[in-house]
């Protein structure tokens, strides 16, 4: 494997602590987005604890985040949840 180090002049302007804080914020937003952390547990922890699998887990995910990630997409999130639920019914519920 070949690794390349890129130099960005704007990085010199920041203090090392500022770079660290920005990195932590970025990781937190990726690993623990605010819209999945309402209440006492994170959505992914509930999905895994209940062993819901992909379809049901996706439904729960979209229900829990409906309108939180993007308030304009509340209905779209609910439609996605319904789509995943219908797929589960079609696969398993004859």
C-alpha atoms as a PDB file:
ATOM      1  CA  UNK A   1       0.000   0.000   0.000  1.00  0.00           C
ATOM      2  CA  UNK A   2       1.116   3.518  -0.728  1.00  0.00           C
ATOM      3  CA  UNK A   3       0.235   6.267   1.697  1.00  0.00           C
ATOM      4  CA  UNK A   4       0.445   9.931   0.868  1.00  0.00           C
ATOM      5  CA  UNK A   5       0.499  12.773   3.331  1.00  0.00           C
ATOM      6  CA  UNK A   6      -1.314  15.856   2.157  1.00  0.00           C
ATOM      7  CA  UNK A   7      -0.282  19.275   3.364  1.00  0.00           C
ATOM      8  CA  UNK A   8      -2.946  21.850   4.028  1.00  0.00           C
ATOM      9  CA  UNK A   9      -1.618  25.330   4.869  1.00  0.00           C
ATOM     10  CA  UNK A  10      -4.766  26.225   6.820  1.00  0.00           C
ATOM     11  CA  UNK A  11      -3.825  23.555   9.379  1.00  0.00           C
ATOM     12  CA  UNK A  12      -0.817  25.625  10.450  1.00  0.00           C
ATOM     13  CA  UNK A  13      -3.084  28.451  11.540  1.00  0.00           C
ATOM     14  CA  UNK A  14      -4.835  26.291  14.152  1.00  0.00           C
ATOM     15  CA  UNK A  15      -3.478  25.263  17.491  1.00  0.00           C
ATOM     16  CA  UNK A  16      -3.011  21.505  17.966  1.00  0.00           C
ATOM     17  CA  UNK A  17      -5.768  21.476  20.592  1.00  0.00           C
ATOM     18  CA  UNK A  18      -8.181  23.095  18.116  1.00  0.00           C
ATOM     19  CA  UNK A  19      -7.404  20.359  15.584  1.00  0.00           C
ATOM     20  CA  UNK A  20      -8.000  17.698  18.233  1.00  0.00           C
ATOM     21  CA  UNK A  21     -11.318  19.216  19.290  1.00  0.00           C
ATOM     22  CA  UNK A  22     -12.498  19.419  15.672  1.00  0.00           C
ATOM     23  CA  UNK A  23     -11.499  15.788  15.137  1.00  0.00           C
ATOM     24  CA  UNK A  24     -13.453  14.688  18.211  1.00  0.00           C
ATOM     25  CA  UNK A  25     -16.529  16.636  17.072  1.00  0.00           C
ATOM     26  CA  UNK A  26     -16.328  15.034  13.629  1.00  0.00           C
ATOM     27  CA  UNK A  27     -16.015  11.514  15.052  1.00  0.00           C
ATOM     28  CA  UNK A  28     -18.901  12.167  17.453  1.00  0.00           C
ATOM     29  CA  UNK A  29     -21.127  13.387  14.614  1.00  0.00           C
ATOM     30  CA  UNK A  30     -20.289  10.255  12.627  1.00  0.00           C
ATOM     31  CA  UNK A  31     -20.449   7.689  15.446  1.00  0.00           C
ATOM     32  CA  UNK A  32     -23.169   9.222  17.613  1.00  0.00           C
ATOM     33  CA  UNK A  33     -25.326  11.666  15.642  1.00  0.00           C
ATOM     34  CA  UNK A  34     -27.593  13.836  17.786  1.00  0.00           C
ATOM     35  CA  UNK A  35     -30.699  12.751  15.885  1.00  0.00           C
ATOM     36  CA  UNK A  36     -30.164   9.140  17.055  1.00  0.00           C
ATOM     37  CA  UNK A  37     -29.526  10.096  20.675  1.00  0.00           C
ATOM     38  CA  UNK A  38     -32.867  11.293  21.990  1.00  0.00           C
ATOM     39  CA  UNK A  39     -33.782   9.611  25.232  1.00  0.00           C
ATOM     40  CA  UNK A  40     -31.716   7.310  27.402  1.00  0.00           C
ATOM     41  CA  UNK A  41     -30.239   4.962  24.789  1.00  0.00           C
ATOM     42  CA  UNK A  42     -28.939   5.303  21.274  1.00  0.00           C
ATOM     43  CA  UNK A  43     -31.109   3.825  18.529  1.00  0.00           C
ATOM     44  CA  UNK A  44     -28.410   1.443  17.288  1.00  0.00           C
ATOM     45  CA  UNK A  45     -27.996   0.015  20.788  1.00  0.00           C
ATOM     46  CA  UNK A  46     -31.732  -0.748  20.955  1.00  0.00           C
ATOM     47  CA  UNK A  47     -31.707  -2.317  17.475  1.00  0.00           C
ATOM     48  CA  UNK A  48     -28.748  -4.541  18.347  1.00  0.00           C
ATOM     49  CA  UNK A  49     -30.110  -5.433  21.802  1.00  0.00           C
ATOM     50  CA  UNK A  50     -33.396  -6.558  20.272  1.00  0.00           C
ATOM     51  CA  UNK A  51     -31.596  -8.339  17.388  1.00  0.00           C
ATOM     52  CA  UNK A  52     -33.969  -6.746  14.910  1.00  0.00           C
ATOM     53  CA  UNK A  53     -32.002  -7.368  11.755  1.00  0.00           C
ATOM     54  CA  UNK A  54     -31.672  -5.038   8.799  1.00  0.00           C
ATOM     55  CA  UNK A  55     -35.289  -4.480   7.771  1.00  0.00           C
ATOM     56  CA  UNK A  56     -36.854  -3.991  11.179  1.00  0.00           C
ATOM     57  CA  UNK A  57     -33.795  -2.123  12.403  1.00  0.00           C
ATOM     58  CA  UNK A  58     -34.007   0.281   9.476  1.00  0.00           C
ATOM     59  CA  UNK A  59     -37.689   0.860  10.219  1.00  0.00           C
ATOM     60  CA  UNK A  60     -36.906   1.718  13.839  1.00  0.00           C
ATOM     61  CA  UNK A  61     -34.043   3.947  12.737  1.00  0.00           C
ATOM     62  CA  UNK A  62     -36.228   5.976  10.376  1.00  0.00           C
ATOM     63  CA  UNK A  63     -39.066   6.247  12.902  1.00  0.00           C
ATOM     64  CA  UNK A  64     -36.709   7.465  15.620  1.00  0.00           C
ATOM     65  CA  UNK A  65     -34.992  10.031  13.459  1.00  0.00           C
ATOM     66  CA  UNK A  66     -38.128  11.257  11.646  1.00  0.00           C
ATOM     67  CA  UNK A  67     -37.802  14.986  11.306  1.00  0.00           C
ATOM     68  CA  UNK A  68     -34.737  15.199  13.559  1.00  0.00           C
ATOM     69  CA  UNK A  69     -31.988  14.865  10.971  1.00  0.00           C
ATOM     70  CA  UNK A  70     -33.843  17.176   8.622  1.00  0.00           C
ATOM     71  CA  UNK A  71     -37.175  18.682   9.758  1.00  0.00           C
ATOM     72  CA  UNK A  72     -38.286  19.019   6.130  1.00  0.00           C
ATOM     73  CA  UNK A  73     -38.040  15.237   5.633  1.00  0.00           C
ATOM     74  CA  UNK A  74     -40.307  14.064   8.460  1.00  0.00           C
ATOM     75  CA  UNK A  75     -42.816  12.451   6.076  1.00  0.00           C
ATOM     76  CA  UNK A  76     -40.054  11.016   3.875  1.00  0.00           C
ATOM     77  CA  UNK A  77     -38.450   9.332   6.903  1.00  0.00           C
ATOM     78  CA  UNK A  78     -41.790   7.786   7.881  1.00  0.00           C
ATOM     79  CA  UNK A  79     -42.354   6.574   4.304  1.00  0.00           C
ATOM     80  CA  UNK A  80     -38.928   4.914   4.391  1.00  0.00           C
ATOM     81  CA  UNK A  81     -39.868   3.209   7.672  1.00  0.00           C
ATOM     82  CA  UNK A  82     -43.095   1.951   6.076  1.00  0.00           C
ATOM     83  CA  UNK A  83     -41.157   0.728   3.029  1.00  0.00           C
ATOM     84  CA  UNK A  84     -38.839  -1.358   5.211  1.00  0.00           C
ATOM     85  CA  UNK A  85     -41.755  -2.703   7.243  1.00  0.00           C
ATOM     86  CA  UNK A  86     -43.658  -3.649   4.092  1.00  0.00           C
ATOM     87  CA  UNK A  87     -40.577  -5.406   2.775  1.00  0.00           C
ATOM     88  CA  UNK A  88     -40.405  -7.445   5.990  1.00  0.00           C
ATOM     89  CA  UNK A  89     -44.088  -8.326   5.729  1.00  0.00           C
ATOM     90  CA  UNK A  90     -43.664  -9.348   2.098  1.00  0.00           C
ATOM     91  CA  UNK A  91     -40.650 -11.495   2.925  1.00  0.00           C
ATOM     92  CA  UNK A  92     -42.023 -13.167   6.020  1.00  0.00           C
ATOM     93  CA  UNK A  93     -45.692 -12.582   6.487  1.00  0.00           C
ATOM     94  CA  UNK A  94     -47.744 -14.634   4.079  1.00  0.00           C
END
